[in-house]
């Protein structure tokens, strides 16, 4: 990844396209709420890797490194894969199956976005949210599924074939693997309630960050990234609140040691201070979505799963 131009990996189509997409399909998404929530989430912390390391015998969840501007697909598969592991930890009888970036990326552009961006890279958050809600995800271990590559995403994203195969060939395979409920997030309290309950999210915007953390352990805003990333952790500690953002560029963001546990975070994470996240991401020119595999957003029983 040392020679990669990171701007070539930034594939959020921007505010104008995102606003147009939301105007067209936004009414189909429910308002966010946690069904049956009894316990307050103020002051609490949730880290998805605390759960997945228990399921994966201390290992981190496998994450595919981007090779092209398919960040919307990469962040979405992060969320779907981590959600599977959370459900397994809760006792669901399912096998963890890593999902293919290129498939959801193509579906969002071609089926949901109706080919509007053909000839260029990118997608937007609402198209991707509708994709996993209606089209589902494609496991990489399904028979005949091509291995991820930037070329695969580029060709499928323009509704072209790769080695004789179209993403459309797999629609019948993916459509029973859905994230049933998706909602857009607008406030810190909504984001906190979602993440603390184990409902992970994505964030798309034009806001960038320094590549490495500062002396306080935070990645500070810097520059412009037309980019979508995953939200895999959050702390509402009143003394030091933060959001754990998963990027898909490999081990580029330095080693992050957890303030509370002292353990190292997974590679490719950014730790963003609450004030910076709210100011840069919980705005009208950004797209923040959270996801649930259940009808509505039920309170998940995570007691005993966290470090």
Protein backbone atom coordinates (compact mmCIF):
# COMPACT_ATOMS: atom_id res chain seq x y z
CA UNK A 1 0.00 0.00 0.00
CA UNK A 2 2.99 2.34 0.31
CA UNK A 3 2.82 3.34 -3.35
CA UNK A 4 -0.97 3.68 -3.50
CA UNK A 5 -2.49 7.09 -4.17
CA UNK A 6 -5.06 7.27 -1.42
CA UNK A 7 -7.18 9.79 -3.32
CA UNK A 8 -7.86 6.98 -5.84
CA UNK A 9 -9.50 5.00 -3.01
CA UNK A 10 -11.95 7.75 -2.04
CA UNK A 11 -15.20 6.85 -3.74
CA UNK A 12 -17.96 8.81 -2.05
CA UNK A 13 -19.76 10.60 -4.90
CA UNK A 14 -20.25 13.77 -2.87
CA UNK A 15 -22.93 15.98 -1.36
CA UNK A 16 -24.86 16.78 -4.54
CA UNK A 17 -25.37 13.14 -5.59
CA UNK A 18 -26.00 12.09 -1.99
CA UNK A 19 -28.70 14.76 -1.59
CA UNK A 20 -30.36 13.72 -4.84
CA UNK A 21 -30.30 10.08 -3.79
CA UNK A 22 -31.75 10.86 -0.37
CA UNK A 23 -34.54 12.95 -1.92
CA UNK A 24 -35.46 9.98 -4.07
CA UNK A 25 -35.33 7.14 -1.52
CA UNK A 26 -34.91 8.68 1.93
CA UNK A 27 -38.60 8.38 2.82
CA UNK A 28 -38.30 4.57 2.58
CA UNK A 29 -36.01 4.42 5.62
CA UNK A 30 -37.48 4.44 9.15
CA UNK A 31 -36.61 6.95 11.83
CA UNK A 32 -34.00 5.60 14.21
CA UNK A 33 -35.05 4.15 17.57
CA UNK A 34 -33.97 1.33 19.88
CA UNK A 35 -36.89 -1.04 20.43
CA UNK A 36 -37.26 -2.12 24.03
CA UNK A 37 -34.26 -0.23 25.38
CA UNK A 38 -34.27 -0.27 29.18
CA UNK A 39 -30.71 0.59 30.20
CA UNK A 40 -29.20 4.04 29.65
CA UNK A 41 -26.28 4.26 27.25
CA UNK A 42 -24.76 7.46 28.62
CA UNK A 43 -21.17 7.04 29.74
CA UNK A 44 -20.79 3.56 28.23
CA UNK A 45 -18.34 2.12 25.71
CA UNK A 46 -18.68 -0.51 22.98
CA UNK A 47 -15.86 -1.92 20.85
CA UNK A 48 -16.89 -4.45 18.20
CA UNK A 49 -13.47 -6.15 18.38
CA UNK A 50 -14.03 -7.03 22.05
CA UNK A 51 -16.82 -9.28 20.74
CA UNK A 52 -15.24 -10.59 17.54
CA UNK A 53 -11.99 -11.51 19.30
CA UNK A 54 -14.01 -13.79 21.57
CA UNK A 55 -15.67 -15.46 18.58
CA UNK A 56 -12.44 -15.68 16.56
CA UNK A 57 -10.22 -17.00 19.36
CA UNK A 58 -8.39 -13.73 19.91
CA UNK A 59 -7.97 -12.88 16.23
CA UNK A 60 -9.23 -9.77 14.49
CA UNK A 61 -11.97 -9.85 11.90
CA UNK A 62 -10.55 -10.26 8.37
CA UNK A 63 -10.78 -7.04 6.38
CA UNK A 64 -10.05 -6.65 2.67
CA UNK A 65 -7.86 -3.69 1.69
CA UNK A 66 -9.26 -1.43 -1.02
CA UNK A 67 -7.65 -1.37 -4.44
CA UNK A 68 -9.94 1.19 -6.11
CA UNK A 69 -12.61 3.78 -5.30
CA UNK A 70 -15.05 1.27 -3.79
CA UNK A 71 -14.86 2.58 -0.20
CA UNK A 72 -18.65 2.52 0.14
CA UNK A 73 -18.57 -1.23 -0.47
CA UNK A 74 -15.55 -1.79 1.78
CA UNK A 75 -17.09 0.07 4.72
CA UNK A 76 -20.40 -1.70 4.23
CA UNK A 77 -18.84 -5.16 4.27
CA UNK A 78 -16.99 -4.18 7.46
CA UNK A 79 -20.33 -3.51 9.12
CA UNK A 80 -22.05 -6.63 7.78
CA UNK A 81 -19.13 -8.89 8.73
CA UNK A 82 -18.85 -7.44 12.25
CA UNK A 83 -22.61 -7.69 12.70
CA UNK A 84 -22.45 -11.40 11.88
CA UNK A 85 -19.84 -11.93 14.61
CA UNK A 86 -21.89 -9.98 17.16
CA UNK A 87 -24.90 -12.17 16.38
CA UNK A 88 -22.82 -15.34 16.70
CA UNK A 89 -21.59 -14.12 20.09
CA UNK A 90 -25.22 -13.61 21.12
CA UNK A 91 -25.92 -17.27 20.37
CA UNK A 92 -27.20 -17.23 16.80
CA UNK A 93 -26.43 -20.49 15.02
CA UNK A 94 -24.74 -19.23 11.91
CA UNK A 95 -21.35 -19.55 10.28
CA UNK A 96 -19.27 -16.44 9.76
CA UNK A 97 -18.98 -15.77 6.03
CA UNK A 98 -16.91 -12.81 4.89
CA UNK A 99 -18.68 -10.74 2.22
CA UNK A 100 -17.52 -9.37 -1.12
CA UNK A 101 -16.91 -5.63 -1.49
CA UNK A 102 -17.33 -5.64 -5.28
CA UNK A 103 -20.83 -7.10 -5.20
CA UNK A 104 -22.49 -4.52 -2.94
CA UNK A 105 -20.54 -1.77 -4.66
CA UNK A 106 -21.85 -2.82 -8.07
CA UNK A 107 -25.41 -3.38 -6.88
CA UNK A 108 -25.54 0.08 -5.29
CA UNK A 109 -24.30 1.77 -8.47
CA UNK A 110 -26.18 -0.23 -11.08
CA UNK A 111 -29.45 -1.37 -9.47
CA UNK A 112 -30.08 1.32 -6.86
CA UNK A 113 -28.18 4.18 -8.50
CA UNK A 114 -29.47 3.19 -11.97
CA UNK A 115 -26.05 3.59 -13.58
CA UNK A 116 -25.89 7.31 -12.90
CA UNK A 117 -22.15 7.18 -12.11
CA UNK A 118 -21.18 4.85 -14.96
CA UNK A 119 -17.70 5.57 -16.25
CA UNK A 120 -16.42 6.90 -12.92
CA UNK A 121 -15.84 5.53 -9.44
CA UNK A 122 -18.02 5.88 -6.38
CA UNK A 123 -21.43 5.54 -4.79
CA UNK A 124 -23.29 7.14 -1.88
CA UNK A 125 -24.41 6.00 1.55
CA UNK A 126 -28.14 5.78 0.89
CA UNK A 127 -27.64 3.65 -2.24
CA UNK A 128 -25.45 1.32 -0.22
CA UNK A 129 -27.92 1.21 2.66
CA UNK A 130 -30.72 0.29 0.27
CA UNK A 131 -28.48 -2.34 -1.32
CA UNK A 132 -27.94 -4.36 1.85
CA UNK A 133 -31.58 -3.91 2.82
CA UNK A 134 -32.99 -5.14 -0.51
CA UNK A 135 -30.19 -6.85 -2.42
CA UNK A 136 -28.23 -8.42 0.41
CA UNK A 137 -24.57 -9.42 0.47
CA UNK A 138 -22.51 -12.08 -1.31
CA UNK A 139 -20.22 -14.39 0.70
CA UNK A 140 -16.71 -14.70 -0.73
CA UNK A 141 -16.75 -18.47 -0.17
CA UNK A 142 -19.82 -19.02 -2.35
CA UNK A 143 -19.02 -21.34 -5.25
CA UNK A 144 -17.77 -19.51 -8.32
CA UNK A 145 -17.46 -16.07 -6.70
CA UNK A 146 -14.43 -14.17 -8.06
CA UNK A 147 -11.69 -13.05 -5.68
CA UNK A 148 -11.81 -9.36 -4.76
CA UNK A 149 -9.73 -6.97 -6.83
CA UNK A 150 -9.95 -3.35 -7.86
CA UNK A 151 -10.52 -4.44 -11.44
CA UNK A 152 -13.47 -6.60 -10.37
CA UNK A 153 -15.09 -3.64 -8.61
CA UNK A 154 -14.42 -1.31 -11.53
CA UNK A 155 -15.92 -3.67 -14.11
CA UNK A 156 -18.88 -4.84 -12.07
CA UNK A 157 -19.50 -1.25 -10.96
CA UNK A 158 -20.02 -0.32 -14.61
CA UNK A 159 -22.26 -3.36 -15.19
CA UNK A 160 -19.55 -5.15 -17.16
CA UNK A 161 -18.40 -8.74 -16.90
CA UNK A 162 -15.22 -10.00 -15.22
CA UNK A 163 -13.92 -13.32 -16.59
CA UNK A 164 -17.34 -13.86 -18.12
CA UNK A 165 -19.25 -13.23 -14.88
CA UNK A 166 -21.57 -10.37 -13.98
CA UNK A 167 -22.56 -9.33 -10.47
CA UNK A 168 -26.12 -9.93 -11.68
CA UNK A 169 -25.36 -13.67 -11.80
CA UNK A 170 -25.37 -13.72 -8.00
CA UNK A 171 -28.51 -11.75 -7.18
CA UNK A 172 -30.43 -14.91 -6.31
CA UNK A 173 -27.62 -15.97 -3.96
CA UNK A 174 -27.46 -12.70 -2.04
CA UNK A 175 -31.09 -11.77 -1.61
CA UNK A 176 -31.66 -13.92 1.48
CA UNK A 177 -28.74 -12.28 3.36
CA UNK A 178 -30.20 -8.89 4.24
CA UNK A 179 -29.71 -6.21 6.85
CA UNK A 180 -33.37 -5.87 7.67
CA UNK A 181 -33.42 -2.37 9.12
CA UNK A 182 -31.38 0.71 8.24
CA UNK A 183 -31.74 4.21 9.65
CA UNK A 184 -29.99 7.52 9.17
CA UNK A 185 -28.33 9.07 12.21
CA UNK A 186 -28.40 12.81 12.89
CA UNK A 187 -27.33 13.29 16.53
CA UNK A 188 -24.70 12.06 18.97
CA UNK A 189 -27.36 10.53 21.24
CA UNK A 190 -28.75 8.47 18.35
CA UNK A 191 -25.27 7.31 17.35
CA UNK A 192 -24.42 6.47 20.96
CA UNK A 193 -27.61 4.44 21.43
CA UNK A 194 -26.96 2.53 18.21
CA UNK A 195 -23.30 1.67 18.72
CA UNK A 196 -23.56 0.91 22.45
CA UNK A 197 -26.31 -1.58 21.56
CA UNK A 198 -24.07 -3.23 18.97
CA UNK A 199 -25.69 -1.71 15.87
CA UNK A 200 -22.73 -0.57 13.80
CA UNK A 201 -22.67 2.12 11.15
CA UNK A 202 -21.05 3.90 8.25
CA UNK A 203 -20.05 7.53 7.78
CA UNK A 204 -19.54 9.26 4.42
CA UNK A 205 -18.39 12.84 4.00
CA UNK A 206 -15.74 15.11 2.52
CA UNK A 207 -13.88 15.37 5.85
CA UNK A 208 -10.34 14.04 6.18
CA UNK A 209 -8.03 13.16 9.06
CA UNK A 210 -4.34 13.07 9.80
CA UNK A 211 -2.93 9.65 9.00
CA UNK A 212 -1.46 9.11 12.49
CA UNK A 213 -2.76 9.94 16.00
CA UNK A 214 -1.43 12.92 17.90
CA UNK A 215 0.19 12.82 21.35
CA UNK A 216 -3.26 12.61 22.97
CA UNK A 217 -4.07 9.47 20.97
CA UNK A 218 -6.61 11.04 18.56
CA UNK A 219 -6.66 11.40 14.79
CA UNK A 220 -7.37 15.06 14.13
CA UNK A 221 -9.30 16.53 11.18
CA UNK A 222 -7.12 17.41 8.23
CA UNK A 223 -7.76 17.89 4.53
CA UNK A 224 -10.59 16.57 2.40
CA UNK A 225 -11.52 12.89 1.94
CA UNK A 226 -14.50 12.13 -0.30
CA UNK A 227 -14.74 8.85 1.52
CA UNK A 228 -16.95 6.39 3.40
CA UNK A 229 -15.72 4.41 6.42
CA UNK A 230 -17.21 2.12 9.06
CA UNK A 231 -18.11 2.96 12.66
CA UNK A 232 -17.01 0.02 14.83
CA UNK A 233 -16.73 1.50 18.33
CA UNK A 234 -17.80 4.41 20.50
CA UNK A 235 -17.17 5.69 24.01
CA UNK A 236 -19.45 8.16 25.75
CA UNK A 237 -17.00 8.66 28.61
CA UNK A 238 -17.70 12.28 29.65
CA UNK A 239 -13.99 12.89 30.22
CA UNK A 240 -12.80 11.48 26.89
CA UNK A 241 -15.52 10.54 24.39
CA UNK A 242 -14.51 9.11 21.02
CA UNK A 243 -15.62 7.21 17.90
CA UNK A 244 -13.65 4.25 16.50
CA UNK A 245 -13.68 4.52 12.70
CA UNK A 246 -12.56 1.64 10.51
CA UNK A 247 -10.71 2.58 7.33
CA UNK A 248 -9.99 0.19 4.48
CA UNK A 249 -6.46 1.25 3.52
CA UNK A 250 -4.55 -1.37 5.47
CA UNK A 251 -2.30 -0.66 8.44
CA UNK A 252 -1.88 3.06 7.74
CA UNK A 253 -3.06 4.81 10.89
CA UNK A 254 -0.59 3.81 13.58
CA UNK A 255 -0.99 1.61 16.64
CA UNK A 256 -3.80 2.73 18.90
CA UNK A 257 -3.77 1.63 22.52
CA UNK A 258 -7.15 1.59 24.22
CA UNK A 259 -7.50 4.19 26.97
CA UNK A 260 -9.44 1.81 29.21
CA UNK A 261 -8.06 -1.68 28.57
CA UNK A 262 -4.54 -0.89 27.36
CA UNK A 263 -5.02 -3.35 24.50
CA UNK A 264 -4.12 -2.51 20.91
CA UNK A 265 -6.92 -1.70 18.51
CA UNK A 266 -7.15 -3.58 15.21
CA UNK A 267 -5.05 -2.23 12.32
CA UNK A 268 -6.59 0.43 10.10
CA UNK A 269 -8.57 2.22 12.81
CA UNK A 270 -8.87 5.93 13.55
CA UNK A 271 -9.81 7.22 17.00
CA UNK A 272 -11.73 10.48 16.57
CA UNK A 273 -12.68 12.74 19.46
CA UNK A 274 -16.43 13.26 19.92
CA UNK A 275 -16.26 17.01 19.30
CA UNK A 276 -14.45 16.50 16.00
CA UNK A 277 -16.83 13.74 14.91
CA UNK A 278 -19.92 15.80 15.68
CA UNK A 279 -18.54 18.92 14.02
CA UNK A 280 -17.30 17.13 10.90
CA UNK A 281 -19.70 14.22 10.43
CA UNK A 282 -23.07 14.77 12.13
CA UNK A 283 -23.95 17.49 9.64
CA UNK A 284 -26.26 17.91 6.68
CA UNK A 285 -23.42 17.38 4.22
CA UNK A 286 -22.51 13.93 5.54
CA UNK A 287 -24.27 10.54 5.51
CA UNK A 288 -24.34 8.45 8.67
CA UNK A 289 -26.31 5.19 8.71
CA UNK A 290 -26.68 2.40 11.29
CA UNK A 291 -27.78 -1.17 10.62
CA UNK A 292 -29.61 -4.03 12.30
CA UNK A 293 -30.19 -7.62 11.22
CA UNK A 294 -33.46 -7.65 13.16
CA UNK A 295 -36.87 -6.05 12.63
CA UNK A 296 -36.30 -2.68 14.20
CA UNK A 297 -33.31 -2.10 16.48
CA UNK A 298 -33.78 -4.44 19.48
CA UNK A 299 -31.62 -3.99 22.55
CA UNK A 300 -28.92 -6.64 22.23
CA UNK A 301 -27.80 -8.74 25.18
CA UNK A 302 -24.08 -7.95 25.28
CA UNK A 303 -23.50 -8.47 29.01
CA UNK A 304 -20.47 -10.67 29.54
CA UNK A 305 -19.25 -10.30 25.94
CA UNK A 306 -17.15 -7.19 26.42
CA UNK A 307 -13.72 -6.77 27.96
